[in-house]
Amino acid sequence: MAAATPSADFVAALHEYQPLLRRVARLYCQDADDRQDLFQEMVLQLWRAWPRYVPQPGAKLSTWLYRIALNVAISNLRQRTRRPAPSELDAEALAVAQAPETGFDADDRAQLYRAIGRLSEVDKAFVLLYLEDRSYEEMADILGITQNNVRVKMHRVQEKLRSLLVPAA
């Protein structure tokens, strides 16, 4: 049986939303190779689901893509936690080694990513959607919860991040 060829629509959507998928992978994987593997797994799962995608009136393609990408990222993270990799650099050393940027902003960004890395996989999804300037309505659609629940969860996630970013007095 020959492999199916992706449709032109799928390829166009993939080109348009590739940065979104890469940001999801960046948030869930510190290692560049793991990020690339996760990105490829997201693309594979999107390709498999594409024939069943039916645009809904008022719904955005990005909402559907986010839902699949986040589900793949969370599943991948759970698999990696069950099978931890053999001795690796600790997260802070790895972050320093991978961060080619210099200056005040780069340090703040690295500190923010380390703090985000300490959040649960669900909390990371909220942060990602927030940083992507998604509305609470879109977040609710993507995550499959109510807007009220999104507001409560976002407040709690922001408080967690504040406590992780502010040094203990």
C-alpha atoms as a PDB file:
ATOM      1  CA  MET A   1       0.000   0.000   0.000  1.00  0.00           C
ATOM      2  CA  ALA A   2       1.487   3.362  -1.012  1.00  0.00           C
ATOM      3  CA  ALA A   3       1.737   6.179   1.494  1.00  0.00           C
ATOM      4  CA  ALA A   4      -0.911   8.834   1.127  1.00  0.00           C
ATOM      5  CA  THR A   5       0.235  12.194  -0.210  1.00  0.00           C
ATOM      6  CA  PRO A   6      -0.688  15.192   1.943  1.00  0.00           C
ATOM      7  CA  SER A   7      -3.166  17.529   0.317  1.00  0.00           C
ATOM      8  CA  ALA A   8      -2.145  20.986  -0.814  1.00  0.00           C
ATOM      9  CA  ASP A   9      -4.447  22.413   1.881  1.00  0.00           C
ATOM     10  CA  PHE A  10      -2.618  20.449   4.573  1.00  0.00           C
ATOM     11  CA  VAL A  11       0.791  21.569   3.313  1.00  0.00           C
ATOM     12  CA  ALA A  12      -0.370  25.204   3.183  1.00  0.00           C
ATOM     13  CA  ALA A  13      -1.751  24.977   6.734  1.00  0.00           C
ATOM     14  CA  LEU A  14       1.467  23.356   7.906  1.00  0.00           C
ATOM     15  CA  HIS A  15       3.541  26.178   6.410  1.00  0.00           C
ATOM     16  CA  GLU A  16       1.293  28.810   7.970  1.00  0.00           C
ATOM     17  CA  TYR A  17       1.173  27.244  11.435  1.00  0.00           C
ATOM     18  CA  GLN A  18       4.669  25.781  11.635  1.00  0.00           C
ATOM     19  CA  PRO A  19       5.801  28.552  14.049  1.00  0.00           C
ATOM     20  CA  LEU A  20       2.886  27.674  16.360  1.00  0.00           C
ATOM     21  CA  LEU A  21       3.888  23.993  16.382  1.00  0.00           C
ATOM     22  CA  ARG A  22       7.529  24.862  17.005  1.00  0.00           C
ATOM     23  CA  ARG A  23       6.572  27.075  19.968  1.00  0.00           C
ATOM     24  CA  VAL A  24       4.592  24.213  21.490  1.00  0.00           C
ATOM     25  CA  ALA A  25       7.592  21.914  21.009  1.00  0.00           C
ATOM     26  CA  ARG A  26       9.931  24.545  22.528  1.00  0.00           C
ATOM     27  CA  LEU A  27       7.789  24.798  25.607  1.00  0.00           C
ATOM     28  CA  TYR A  28       7.620  21.056  26.194  1.00  0.00           C
ATOM     29  CA  CYS A  29      11.179  20.015  25.220  1.00  0.00           C
ATOM     30  CA  GLN A  30      14.455  21.560  26.339  1.00  0.00           C
ATOM     31  CA  ASP A  31      16.665  19.455  24.062  1.00  0.00           C
ATOM     32  CA  ALA A  32      16.827  20.455  20.372  1.00  0.00           C
ATOM     33  CA  ASP A  33      16.653  16.843  19.180  1.00  0.00           C
ATOM     34  CA  ASP A  34      13.646  16.132  21.402  1.00  0.00           C
ATOM     35  CA  ARG A  35      11.979  19.320  20.110  1.00  0.00           C
ATOM     36  CA  GLN A  36      12.474  18.188  16.519  1.00  0.00           C
ATOM     37  CA  ASP A  37      11.129  14.714  17.336  1.00  0.00           C
ATOM     38  CA  LEU A  38       8.081  16.250  19.034  1.00  0.00           C
ATOM     39  CA  PHE A  39       7.521  18.613  16.098  1.00  0.00           C
ATOM     40  CA  GLN A  40       7.622  15.672  13.694  1.00  0.00           C
ATOM     41  CA  GLU A  41       5.201  13.692  15.865  1.00  0.00           C
ATOM     42  CA  MET A  42       2.794  16.664  15.904  1.00  0.00           C
ATOM     43  CA  VAL A  43       2.971  16.912  12.104  1.00  0.00           C
ATOM     44  CA  LEU A  44       2.372  13.169  11.773  1.00  0.00           C
ATOM     45  CA  GLN A  45      -0.666  13.264  14.061  1.00  0.00           C
ATOM     46  CA  LEU A  46      -2.052  16.325  12.285  1.00  0.00           C
ATOM     47  CA  TRP A  47      -1.581  14.596   8.925  1.00  0.00           C
ATOM     48  CA  ARG A  48      -3.421  11.514  10.215  1.00  0.00           C
ATOM     49  CA  ALA A  49      -6.269  13.645  11.578  1.00  0.00           C
ATOM     50  CA  TRP A  50      -6.490  15.981   8.560  1.00  0.00           C
ATOM     51  CA  PRO A  51      -8.969  13.857   6.557  1.00  0.00           C
ATOM     52  CA  ARG A  52     -11.393  14.045   9.513  1.00  0.00           C
ATOM     53  CA  TYR A  53     -11.048  17.826   9.949  1.00  0.00           C
ATOM     54  CA  VAL A  54     -14.279  19.592   9.129  1.00  0.00           C
ATOM     55  CA  PRO A  55     -14.210  23.384   9.519  1.00  0.00           C
ATOM     56  CA  GLN A  56     -16.943  24.596  11.840  1.00  0.00           C
ATOM     57  CA  PRO A  57     -18.625  27.992  11.373  1.00  0.00           C
ATOM     58  CA  GLY A  58     -16.830  30.541  13.542  1.00  0.00           C
ATOM     59  CA  ALA A  59     -14.090  28.066  14.560  1.00  0.00           C
ATOM     60  CA  LYS A  60     -10.458  28.673  13.683  1.00  0.00           C
ATOM     61  CA  LEU A  61      -8.103  26.143  12.185  1.00  0.00           C
ATOM     62  CA  SER A  62      -5.527  27.211  14.779  1.00  0.00           C
ATOM     63  CA  THR A  63      -7.838  26.026  17.572  1.00  0.00           C
ATOM     64  CA  TRP A  64      -7.960  22.531  16.072  1.00  0.00           C
ATOM     65  CA  LEU A  65      -4.187  22.551  15.485  1.00  0.00           C
ATOM     66  CA  TYR A  66      -3.498  23.693  19.051  1.00  0.00           C
ATOM     67  CA  ARG A  67      -5.692  20.982  20.499  1.00  0.00           C
ATOM     68  CA  ILE A  68      -3.865  18.232  18.617  1.00  0.00           C
ATOM     69  CA  ALA A  69      -0.402  19.748  19.158  1.00  0.00           C
ATOM     70  CA  LEU A  70      -0.941  20.149  22.902  1.00  0.00           C
ATOM     71  CA  ASN A  71      -2.346  16.632  23.234  1.00  0.00           C
ATOM     72  CA  VAL A  72       0.684  15.216  21.403  1.00  0.00           C
ATOM     73  CA  ALA A  73       3.090  17.311  23.513  1.00  0.00           C
ATOM     74  CA  ILE A  74       1.476  16.263  26.796  1.00  0.00           C
ATOM     75  CA  SER A  75       1.384  12.590  25.751  1.00  0.00           C
ATOM     76  CA  ASN A  76       5.022  12.795  24.699  1.00  0.00           C
ATOM     77  CA  LEU A  77       5.981  14.404  28.015  1.00  0.00           C
ATOM     78  CA  ARG A  78       4.195  11.681  29.954  1.00  0.00           C
ATOM     79  CA  GLN A  79       6.017   8.993  27.968  1.00  0.00           C
ATOM     80  CA  ARG A  80       9.377  10.674  28.584  1.00  0.00           C
ATOM     81  CA  THR A  81       8.694  10.939  32.327  1.00  0.00           C
ATOM     82  CA  ARG A  82       7.869   7.248  32.499  1.00  0.00           C
ATOM     83  CA  ARG A  83      11.106   6.425  30.711  1.00  0.00           C
ATOM     84  CA  PRO A  84      13.617   9.013  31.905  1.00  0.00           C
ATOM     85  CA  ALA A  85      16.660   9.438  29.710  1.00  0.00           C
ATOM     86  CA  PRO A  86      20.004   8.240  31.016  1.00  0.00           C
ATOM     87  CA  SER A  87      22.089  10.841  32.831  1.00  0.00           C
ATOM     88  CA  GLU A  88      21.716  14.183  31.115  1.00  0.00           C
ATOM     89  CA  LEU A  89      22.870  17.657  31.969  1.00  0.00           C
ATOM     90  CA  ASP A  90      20.657  19.270  34.552  1.00  0.00           C
ATOM     91  CA  ALA A  91      18.030  21.645  33.150  1.00  0.00           C
ATOM     92  CA  GLU A  92      19.852  24.861  34.092  1.00  0.00           C
ATOM     93  CA  ALA A  93      23.176  23.746  32.580  1.00  0.00           C
ATOM     94  CA  LEU A  94      21.367  22.646  29.440  1.00  0.00           C
ATOM     95  CA  ALA A  95      19.521  25.969  29.201  1.00  0.00           C
ATOM     96  CA  VAL A  96      22.789  27.883  29.458  1.00  0.00           C
ATOM     97  CA  ALA A  97      24.471  25.651  26.877  1.00  0.00           C
ATOM     98  CA  GLN A  98      21.621  26.026  24.394  1.00  0.00           C
ATOM     99  CA  ALA A  99      21.051  29.752  24.825  1.00  0.00           C
ATOM    100  CA  PRO A 100      23.113  31.558  22.165  1.00  0.00           C
ATOM    101  CA  GLU A 101      21.562  34.883  23.145  1.00  0.00           C
ATOM    102  CA  THR A 102      23.291  37.310  25.442  1.00  0.00           C
ATOM    103  CA  GLY A 103      22.219  40.363  27.366  1.00  0.00           C
ATOM    104  CA  PHE A 104      19.586  41.276  29.900  1.00  0.00           C
ATOM    105  CA  ASP A 105      16.577  40.176  27.830  1.00  0.00           C
ATOM    106  CA  ALA A 106      18.083  36.763  27.089  1.00  0.00           C
ATOM    107  CA  ASP A 107      18.689  36.161  30.806  1.00  0.00           C
ATOM    108  CA  ASP A 108      15.111  37.111  31.629  1.00  0.00           C
ATOM    109  CA  ARG A 109      13.822  34.852  28.872  1.00  0.00           C
ATOM    110  CA  ALA A 110      15.965  31.940  30.089  1.00  0.00           C
ATOM    111  CA  GLN A 111      14.714  32.488  33.647  1.00  0.00           C
ATOM    112  CA  LEU A 112      11.114  32.581  32.422  1.00  0.00           C
ATOM    113  CA  TYR A 113      11.545  29.337  30.441  1.00  0.00           C
ATOM    114  CA  ARG A 114      13.104  27.642  33.475  1.00  0.00           C
ATOM    115  CA  ALA A 115      10.129  28.749  35.587  1.00  0.00           C
ATOM    116  CA  ILE A 116       7.673  27.581  32.917  1.00  0.00           C
ATOM    117  CA  GLY A 117       9.555  24.283  32.773  1.00  0.00           C
ATOM    118  CA  ARG A 118       8.731  23.718  36.436  1.00  0.00           C
ATOM    119  CA  LEU A 119       4.971  23.983  35.791  1.00  0.00           C
ATOM    120  CA  SER A 120       2.709  21.006  35.148  1.00  0.00           C
ATOM    121  CA  GLU A 121       2.035  20.087  31.530  1.00  0.00           C
ATOM    122  CA  VAL A 122      -1.479  21.523  31.743  1.00  0.00           C
ATOM    123  CA  ASP A 123      -0.229  24.786  33.258  1.00  0.00           C
ATOM    124  CA  LYS A 124       2.342  25.037  30.443  1.00  0.00           C
ATOM    125  CA  ALA A 125      -0.510  24.885  27.937  1.00  0.00           C
ATOM    126  CA  PHE A 126      -2.167  27.880  29.615  1.00  0.00           C
ATOM    127  CA  VAL A 127       1.095  29.853  29.517  1.00  0.00           C
ATOM    128  CA  LEU A 128       1.669  29.024  25.870  1.00  0.00           C
ATOM    129  CA  LEU A 129      -1.814  30.100  24.858  1.00  0.00           C
ATOM    130  CA  TYR A 130      -1.499  33.264  26.954  1.00  0.00           C
ATOM    131  CA  LEU A 131       1.862  34.140  25.366  1.00  0.00           C
ATOM    132  CA  GLU A 132       0.273  33.558  21.957  1.00  0.00           C
ATOM    133  CA  ASP A 133      -2.316  36.247  22.831  1.00  0.00           C
ATOM    134  CA  ARG A 134      -5.201  33.801  22.583  1.00  0.00           C
ATOM    135  CA  SER A 135      -8.483  35.030  23.999  1.00  0.00           C
ATOM    136  CA  TYR A 136     -10.064  33.237  26.932  1.00  0.00           C
ATOM    137  CA  GLU A 137     -12.754  32.069  24.517  1.00  0.00           C
ATOM    138  CA  GLU A 138     -10.139  30.486  22.242  1.00  0.00           C
ATOM    139  CA  MET A 139      -8.326  28.974  25.222  1.00  0.00           C
ATOM    140  CA  ALA A 140     -11.583  27.437  26.404  1.00  0.00           C
ATOM    141  CA  ASP A 141     -12.223  25.951  22.941  1.00  0.00           C
ATOM    142  CA  ILE A 142      -8.682  24.595  22.626  1.00  0.00           C
ATOM    143  CA  LEU A 143      -8.551  23.129  26.126  1.00  0.00           C
ATOM    144  CA  GLY A 144     -12.157  21.961  26.229  1.00  0.00           C
ATOM    145  CA  ILE A 145     -13.110  23.870  29.392  1.00  0.00           C
ATOM    146  CA  THR A 146     -15.305  26.858  30.223  1.00  0.00           C
ATOM    147  CA  GLN A 147     -14.111  30.454  29.943  1.00  0.00           C
ATOM    148  CA  ASN A 148     -14.683  30.864  33.671  1.00  0.00           C
ATOM    149  CA  ASN A 149     -12.420  27.894  34.348  1.00  0.00           C
ATOM    150  CA  VAL A 150      -9.809  29.435  32.036  1.00  0.00           C
ATOM    151  CA  ARG A 151      -9.873  32.674  34.044  1.00  0.00           C
ATOM    152  CA  VAL A 152      -9.450  30.842  37.346  1.00  0.00           C
ATOM    153  CA  LYS A 153      -6.685  28.597  36.000  1.00  0.00           C
ATOM    154  CA  MET A 154      -4.859  31.538  34.384  1.00  0.00           C
ATOM    155  CA  HIS A 155      -4.898  33.438  37.664  1.00  0.00           C
ATOM    156  CA  ARG A 156      -3.466  30.416  39.494  1.00  0.00           C
ATOM    157  CA  VAL A 157      -0.801  29.824  36.848  1.00  0.00           C
ATOM    158  CA  GLN A 158       0.236  33.486  36.976  1.00  0.00           C
ATOM    159  CA  GLU A 159       0.563  33.261  40.748  1.00  0.00           C
ATOM    160  CA  LYS A 160       2.706  30.123  40.428  1.00  0.00           C
ATOM    161  CA  LEU A 161       4.965  31.844  37.918  1.00  0.00           C
ATOM    162  CA  ARG A 162       5.289  34.925  40.128  1.00  0.00           C
ATOM    163  CA  SER A 163       6.352  32.751  43.050  1.00  0.00           C
ATOM    164  CA  LEU A 164       8.879  30.913  40.868  1.00  0.00           C
ATOM    165  CA  LEU A 165      10.314  34.141  39.413  1.00  0.00           C
ATOM    166  CA  VAL A 166      10.496  36.213  42.612  1.00  0.00           C
ATOM    167  CA  PRO A 167      13.416  35.141  44.776  1.00  0.00           C
ATOM    168  CA  ALA A 168      12.446  34.033  48.289  1.00  0.00           C
ATOM    169  CA  ALA A 169      12.977  36.799  50.804  1.00  0.00           C
END
